[in-house]
Structures are given as C-alpha cells and as structure tokens.
Amino acid sequence: MKFKGSYVKDFPEDKPYILLTGRSNVGKSSLINAIANTKIARVSKDPGLTATLNFYIESDIYIVDTPGYGYAKRSKEERNKWAKIINDFIEYYNENIICVFALIDSVVGPTELDAILIDYLDSKSLNTILVLTKIDKATQKELSNTLNSLKAFGKDIIQTSSKDGIGIKQLKAIIKELSHVKKR
C-alpha cells in the first residue's frame, strides 16, 4: 500500500474506493498501517489528527482514511467542515465507493454517532462492513456486549487488533476480492 495524497481533485473518478470511517481515535490510521505492514499513516493518541481525506492505493483500489467524528481537539466549525468533506465525497463518488469499513472501538462499543453514520451509509446504498478495532484492549464482557450491540445493524463484522494483527489477513482478503469490482 502507498500513500497517494490528500486532495480529492488529484484522484481519478473511474477508480474504486474503500472508505474508512469512525470516531476520533478509533484506530483508522493504525489499521491502515497494519494492512500496509508499514508505518505510512500518522498515528496519534490525541483525537483529531486526521483532518483531511488521505488516499492510499492497494490492489488498484483507493483506500480513503477519513477524519474522525465525535470528540476531537478541534473547533466545532472545523469538525463540521470535516463532516461536509466526507459527505461531499460520498455524494460525488457514490458509485465508485465499493465498500465502507465503519470502524467501531470494541471497548467503547457503538455510539449514537456510529449508528447515525451507519444509517446514513445505508441511505446511500453503500456496502458497509463493521470493523471492530482494539479487541486486544477489550475485556471479554466488553467484547461480548459490543458484538451483541452490533448484530442489530445486520452487517458483516470483522474483529481486529492492529497491535496483534488479528483480523488483518481477513481485511486484506476482502480488499483483494474487492479489487475486481470497478463500480457498484
């Protein structure tokens, strides 16, 4: 996987995209690094580091790291700007978005904002896979509660740990399989 840039105008409209979405500090950048098997995305313990769409290419698919939602040490105005960037991208590139990996923190579980996002993605008829992150940090009870909560969404769920590599091969296999899809 390679980093390709942060400006939408620089990317072709005829390529397939996979979006990574989730709240701030859910582990989107760490997941990209785990999939790439190298540090290509900046990772921070401070929420809100990713402030633009960041594009990576893997198997002829653009993987798009989006700014996180929810808590972030940025102004409300800037967070609203991030939401608009994501929404505009989804509106414009809708038929090229072949899948969305909606990341959910296994310790925190799905939040109200996660549910709103998943409903929004459904309203746009986007194929969404729920990617449960940080399972290495969750207790068995937290993991069980989160999995039970996620079942209500009726989506495929992939359990991952970027730290331990759990679920990364499965995500790579999904990306490889999706590389044969050009548009929805």
Protein backbone atom coordinates (compact mmCIF):
# COMPACT_ATOMS: atom_id res chain seq x y z
CA MET A 1 0.00 0.00 0.00
CA LYS A 2 1.23 3.51 -0.81
CA PHE A 3 0.16 6.97 0.32
CA LYS A 4 -1.06 8.92 -2.70
CA GLY A 5 -2.12 12.30 -1.28
CA SER A 6 -4.88 14.32 0.36
CA TYR A 7 -6.60 16.27 -2.41
CA VAL A 8 -9.75 14.85 -4.00
CA LYS A 9 -9.15 16.70 -7.27
CA ASP A 10 -5.97 14.66 -7.80
CA PHE A 11 -7.75 11.30 -7.94
CA PRO A 12 -9.49 9.61 -10.86
CA GLU A 13 -13.25 9.30 -10.86
CA ASP A 14 -13.15 5.90 -12.51
CA LYS A 15 -11.31 4.02 -9.74
CA PRO A 16 -12.95 2.08 -6.91
CA TYR A 17 -12.78 3.44 -3.37
CA ILE A 18 -12.99 1.90 0.09
CA LEU A 19 -13.74 4.42 2.84
CA LEU A 20 -12.53 4.01 6.41
CA THR A 21 -14.85 5.84 8.78
CA GLY A 22 -15.17 6.04 12.53
CA ARG A 23 -14.98 8.26 15.54
CA SER A 24 -11.80 10.07 16.53
CA ASN A 25 -9.13 7.71 17.88
CA VAL A 26 -10.96 4.56 16.81
CA GLY A 27 -7.80 3.33 15.08
CA LYS A 28 -8.26 4.14 11.38
CA SER A 29 -4.63 5.17 10.82
CA SER A 30 -3.33 2.23 12.86
CA LEU A 31 -5.46 -0.11 10.76
CA ILE A 32 -4.02 1.35 7.56
CA ASN A 33 -0.51 0.76 8.91
CA ALA A 34 -1.40 -2.82 9.83
CA ILE A 35 -2.85 -3.52 6.37
CA ALA A 36 0.20 -1.94 4.72
CA ASN A 37 2.54 -3.73 7.13
CA THR A 38 4.48 -0.48 7.46
CA LYS A 39 4.01 2.95 9.02
CA ILE A 40 2.55 5.07 6.22
CA ALA A 41 -0.23 6.80 8.16
CA ARG A 42 0.46 9.18 11.04
CA VAL A 43 -0.87 7.87 14.34
CA SER A 44 -1.53 9.95 17.44
CA LYS A 45 -3.00 9.42 20.89
CA ASP A 46 -4.59 12.86 20.51
CA PRO A 47 -8.00 12.71 18.80
CA GLY A 48 -8.47 14.64 15.58
CA LEU A 49 -5.05 14.24 13.94
CA THR A 50 -6.52 13.26 10.57
CA ALA A 51 -8.06 16.48 9.27
CA THR A 52 -8.33 15.70 5.55
CA LEU A 53 -9.20 12.76 3.36
CA ASN A 54 -5.99 10.74 2.95
CA PHE A 55 -5.74 8.45 -0.06
CA TYR A 56 -3.77 5.21 -0.20
CA ILE A 57 -3.65 2.73 -3.05
CA GLU A 58 -3.76 -1.04 -2.59
CA SER A 59 -4.56 -3.63 -5.27
CA ASP A 60 -5.79 -0.92 -7.68
CA ILE A 61 -8.27 0.36 -5.06
CA TYR A 62 -8.06 3.70 -3.32
CA ILE A 63 -8.43 3.36 0.43
CA VAL A 64 -9.62 6.64 1.89
CA ASP A 65 -8.85 7.49 5.52
CA THR A 66 -11.46 10.00 6.69
CA PRO A 67 -11.35 12.45 9.61
CA GLY A 68 -12.86 11.04 12.78
CA TYR A 69 -16.12 12.22 14.24
CA GLY A 70 -17.11 12.85 17.82
CA TYR A 71 -14.52 14.08 20.30
CA ALA A 72 -11.64 15.97 18.77
CA LYS A 73 -9.48 18.82 19.99
CA ARG A 74 -10.64 21.00 17.12
CA SER A 75 -13.29 23.68 16.87
CA LYS A 76 -16.89 22.76 16.13
CA GLU A 77 -16.53 24.72 12.89
CA GLU A 78 -13.58 22.56 11.81
CA ARG A 79 -15.38 19.33 12.77
CA ASN A 80 -18.41 20.45 10.73
CA LYS A 81 -16.05 21.12 7.82
CA TRP A 82 -14.75 17.53 8.10
CA ALA A 83 -18.31 16.18 8.02
CA LYS A 84 -19.01 18.23 4.89
CA ILE A 85 -15.84 16.95 3.20
CA ILE A 86 -16.88 13.34 3.87
CA ASN A 87 -20.49 13.95 2.81
CA ASP A 88 -19.43 15.73 -0.39
CA PHE A 89 -17.04 12.90 -1.24
CA ILE A 90 -19.78 10.29 -0.72
CA GLU A 91 -22.25 12.31 -2.79
CA TYR A 92 -19.83 12.86 -5.68
CA TYR A 93 -18.09 9.46 -5.75
CA ASN A 94 -21.04 7.35 -4.59
CA GLU A 95 -20.99 4.83 -7.44
CA ASN A 96 -17.21 4.40 -7.10
CA ILE A 97 -17.37 3.62 -3.37
CA ILE A 98 -17.44 -0.15 -3.42
CA CYS A 99 -17.27 -0.59 0.35
CA VAL A 100 -17.11 1.31 3.62
CA PHE A 101 -15.22 -0.07 6.59
CA ALA A 102 -17.05 1.51 9.53
CA LEU A 103 -14.67 1.20 12.47
CA ILE A 104 -16.09 0.68 15.97
CA ASP A 105 -13.99 0.68 19.15
CA SER A 106 -14.54 -2.67 20.89
CA VAL A 107 -14.11 -1.14 24.36
CA VAL A 108 -16.49 1.79 23.79
CA GLY A 109 -18.99 -0.06 21.62
CA PRO A 110 -21.20 1.59 19.02
CA THR A 111 -22.05 5.19 19.87
CA GLU A 112 -25.05 7.22 18.78
CA LEU A 113 -22.83 8.87 16.16
CA ASP A 114 -21.80 5.44 14.85
CA ALA A 115 -25.47 4.50 14.47
CA ILE A 116 -26.21 7.77 12.66
CA LEU A 117 -23.30 7.15 10.28
CA ILE A 118 -24.36 3.56 9.54
CA ASP A 119 -27.93 4.71 8.86
CA TYR A 120 -26.57 7.43 6.55
CA LEU A 121 -24.41 4.91 4.67
CA ASP A 122 -27.45 2.64 4.31
CA SER A 123 -29.45 5.57 2.91
CA LYS A 124 -26.76 5.93 0.23
CA SER A 125 -26.93 2.17 -0.50
CA LEU A 126 -23.27 1.72 0.40
CA ASN A 127 -21.91 -1.74 1.21
CA THR A 128 -20.74 -1.39 4.81
CA ILE A 129 -18.62 -3.77 6.86
CA LEU A 130 -18.31 -3.13 10.60
CA VAL A 131 -14.68 -3.36 11.66
CA LEU A 132 -14.32 -3.86 15.39
CA THR A 133 -10.99 -2.33 16.48
CA LYS A 134 -8.74 -2.73 19.51
CA ILE A 135 -10.09 -6.13 20.52
CA ASP A 136 -6.80 -6.71 22.35
CA LYS A 137 -7.81 -3.95 24.80
CA ALA A 138 -11.38 -5.12 25.44
CA THR A 139 -12.40 -7.41 28.26
CA GLN A 140 -14.40 -10.48 27.27
CA LYS A 141 -17.54 -8.81 28.64
CA GLU A 142 -16.92 -5.56 26.71
CA LEU A 143 -16.31 -7.52 23.53
CA SER A 144 -19.43 -9.62 24.03
CA ASN A 145 -21.59 -6.53 24.73
CA THR A 146 -20.21 -4.72 21.69
CA LEU A 147 -20.77 -7.71 19.40
CA ASN A 148 -24.34 -8.09 20.66
CA SER A 149 -24.99 -4.38 20.04
CA LEU A 150 -23.55 -4.56 16.52
CA LYS A 151 -25.74 -7.50 15.49
CA ALA A 152 -28.70 -5.11 15.37
CA PHE A 153 -27.16 -3.40 12.32
CA GLY A 154 -27.29 -6.61 10.25
CA LYS A 155 -23.80 -6.11 8.82
CA ASP A 156 -20.74 -8.31 8.50
CA ILE A 157 -18.42 -7.78 11.48
CA ILE A 158 -14.65 -8.20 11.36
CA GLN A 159 -12.80 -8.25 14.70
CA THR A 160 -9.35 -6.65 14.54
CA SER A 161 -6.34 -5.68 16.55
CA SER A 162 -3.80 -3.58 14.67
CA LYS A 163 -1.35 -4.23 17.50
CA ASP A 164 -1.62 -8.03 17.43
CA GLY A 165 -2.51 -8.43 13.73
CA ILE A 166 -5.85 -10.08 14.47
CA GLY A 167 -8.25 -9.83 11.53
CA ILE A 168 -5.74 -8.07 9.26
CA LYS A 169 -5.39 -11.04 6.86
CA GLN A 170 -9.17 -11.17 6.61
CA LEU A 171 -9.35 -7.45 5.73
CA LYS A 172 -6.57 -7.87 3.16
CA ALA A 173 -8.51 -10.75 1.59
CA ILE A 174 -11.64 -8.57 1.41
CA ILE A 175 -9.65 -5.75 -0.21
CA LYS A 176 -8.15 -8.20 -2.72
CA GLU A 177 -11.60 -9.59 -3.51
CA LEU A 178 -12.99 -6.07 -3.94
CA SER A 179 -10.12 -5.16 -6.28
CA HIS A 180 -12.03 -6.98 -9.03
CA VAL A 181 -15.02 -4.67 -8.59
CA LYS A 182 -14.74 -1.45 -10.56
CA LYS A 183 -18.02 0.23 -9.61
CA ARG A 184 -21.18 -0.61 -7.74
